[in-house]
C-alpha cells in the first residue's frame, strides 16, 4: 500500500513528493499571499507564531519588493 502513491505519481509524470514538502510549500505560499503568521501558526498546530516564522518565513524577492512598495507608498504620502 505504501508504494501506491509513488505509482500514481509516476503514472501522472510527477516526481516523488513528501507530505512534509506540501506542508512547507503551503506555509510559504500562505505567508507570501498575506495570511497572517498567527493564523498560519494555528492552522499548522505550532506552539508559537515565532516557531512558524523561524520554520517557514523565507523572505522571497517578491515579498521584499512588496514591502518596499508599501513603505514607499507610505513615505510618499507623508513627504
Protein backbone atom coordinates (compact mmCIF):
# COMPACT_ATOMS: atom_id res chain seq x y z
CA UNK A 1 0.00 0.00 0.00
CA UNK A 2 2.89 2.38 0.75
CA UNK A 3 4.09 2.20 -2.86
CA UNK A 4 0.70 3.13 -4.30
CA UNK A 5 1.27 6.93 -4.11
CA UNK A 6 4.61 6.54 -5.88
CA UNK A 7 2.99 4.54 -8.67
CA UNK A 8 0.24 7.13 -9.03
CA UNK A 9 2.76 9.98 -9.17
CA UNK A 10 4.93 8.11 -11.68
CA UNK A 11 1.96 7.40 -13.96
CA UNK A 12 0.99 11.06 -13.77
CA UNK A 13 4.53 12.06 -14.77
CA UNK A 14 5.18 13.74 -11.43
CA UNK A 15 8.21 13.42 -9.19
CA UNK A 16 8.02 11.92 -5.73
CA UNK A 17 6.93 14.47 -3.15
CA UNK A 18 6.52 14.01 0.57
CA UNK A 19 3.61 15.30 2.64
CA UNK A 20 6.10 17.48 4.52
CA UNK A 21 7.11 19.11 1.21
CA UNK A 22 3.47 20.01 0.58
CA UNK A 23 3.14 21.44 4.09
CA UNK A 24 6.23 23.58 3.59
CA UNK A 25 5.04 24.84 0.20
CA UNK A 26 1.59 25.64 1.60
CA UNK A 27 3.10 27.56 4.50
CA UNK A 28 5.44 29.68 2.38
CA UNK A 29 2.70 30.44 -0.17
CA UNK A 30 0.28 31.33 2.62
CA UNK A 31 2.75 33.84 4.07
CA UNK A 32 3.51 35.26 0.62
CA UNK A 33 -0.19 35.78 -0.01
CA UNK A 34 -0.93 37.66 3.15
CA UNK A 35 -2.08 35.02 5.64
CA UNK A 36 -1.03 36.42 8.98
CA UNK A 37 1.52 34.37 10.87
CA UNK A 38 -0.68 33.85 13.94
CA UNK A 39 -3.45 32.31 11.82
CA UNK A 40 -0.97 30.16 9.91
CA UNK A 41 0.60 29.03 13.17
CA UNK A 42 -2.83 27.88 14.36
CA UNK A 43 -3.51 26.04 11.10
CA UNK A 44 -0.19 24.21 11.41
CA UNK A 45 -0.74 23.50 15.14
CA UNK A 46 2.56 25.13 16.09
CA UNK A 47 3.15 26.15 19.69
CA UNK A 48 4.03 29.72 18.71
CA UNK A 49 3.94 32.13 15.81
CA UNK A 50 7.67 32.64 16.31
CA UNK A 51 8.31 28.97 15.57
CA UNK A 52 6.21 29.25 12.40
CA UNK A 53 8.22 32.25 11.22
CA UNK A 54 11.52 30.58 12.05
CA UNK A 55 10.48 27.49 10.11
CA UNK A 56 8.58 28.90 7.14
CA UNK A 57 9.37 32.61 7.00
CA UNK A 58 11.61 32.51 3.94
CA UNK A 59 11.77 36.00 2.54
CA UNK A 60 11.38 35.93 -1.21
CA UNK A 61 12.25 38.63 -3.72
CA UNK A 62 8.55 39.23 -4.31
CA UNK A 63 7.94 39.71 -0.59
CA UNK A 64 10.85 42.16 -0.36
CA UNK A 65 9.54 44.12 -3.34
CA UNK A 66 6.03 44.21 -1.88
CA UNK A 67 7.37 45.50 1.44
CA UNK A 68 9.44 48.17 -0.33
CA UNK A 69 6.38 49.26 -2.34
CA UNK A 70 4.26 49.52 0.81
CA UNK A 71 6.86 51.58 2.68
CA UNK A 72 7.48 53.73 -0.41
CA UNK A 73 3.76 54.39 -0.75
CA UNK A 74 3.51 55.34 2.89
CA UNK A 75 6.53 57.65 2.70
CA UNK A 76 5.25 59.29 -0.47
CA UNK A 77 2.08 60.21 1.38
CA UNK A 78 3.99 61.68 4.31
CA UNK A 79 6.50 63.76 2.37
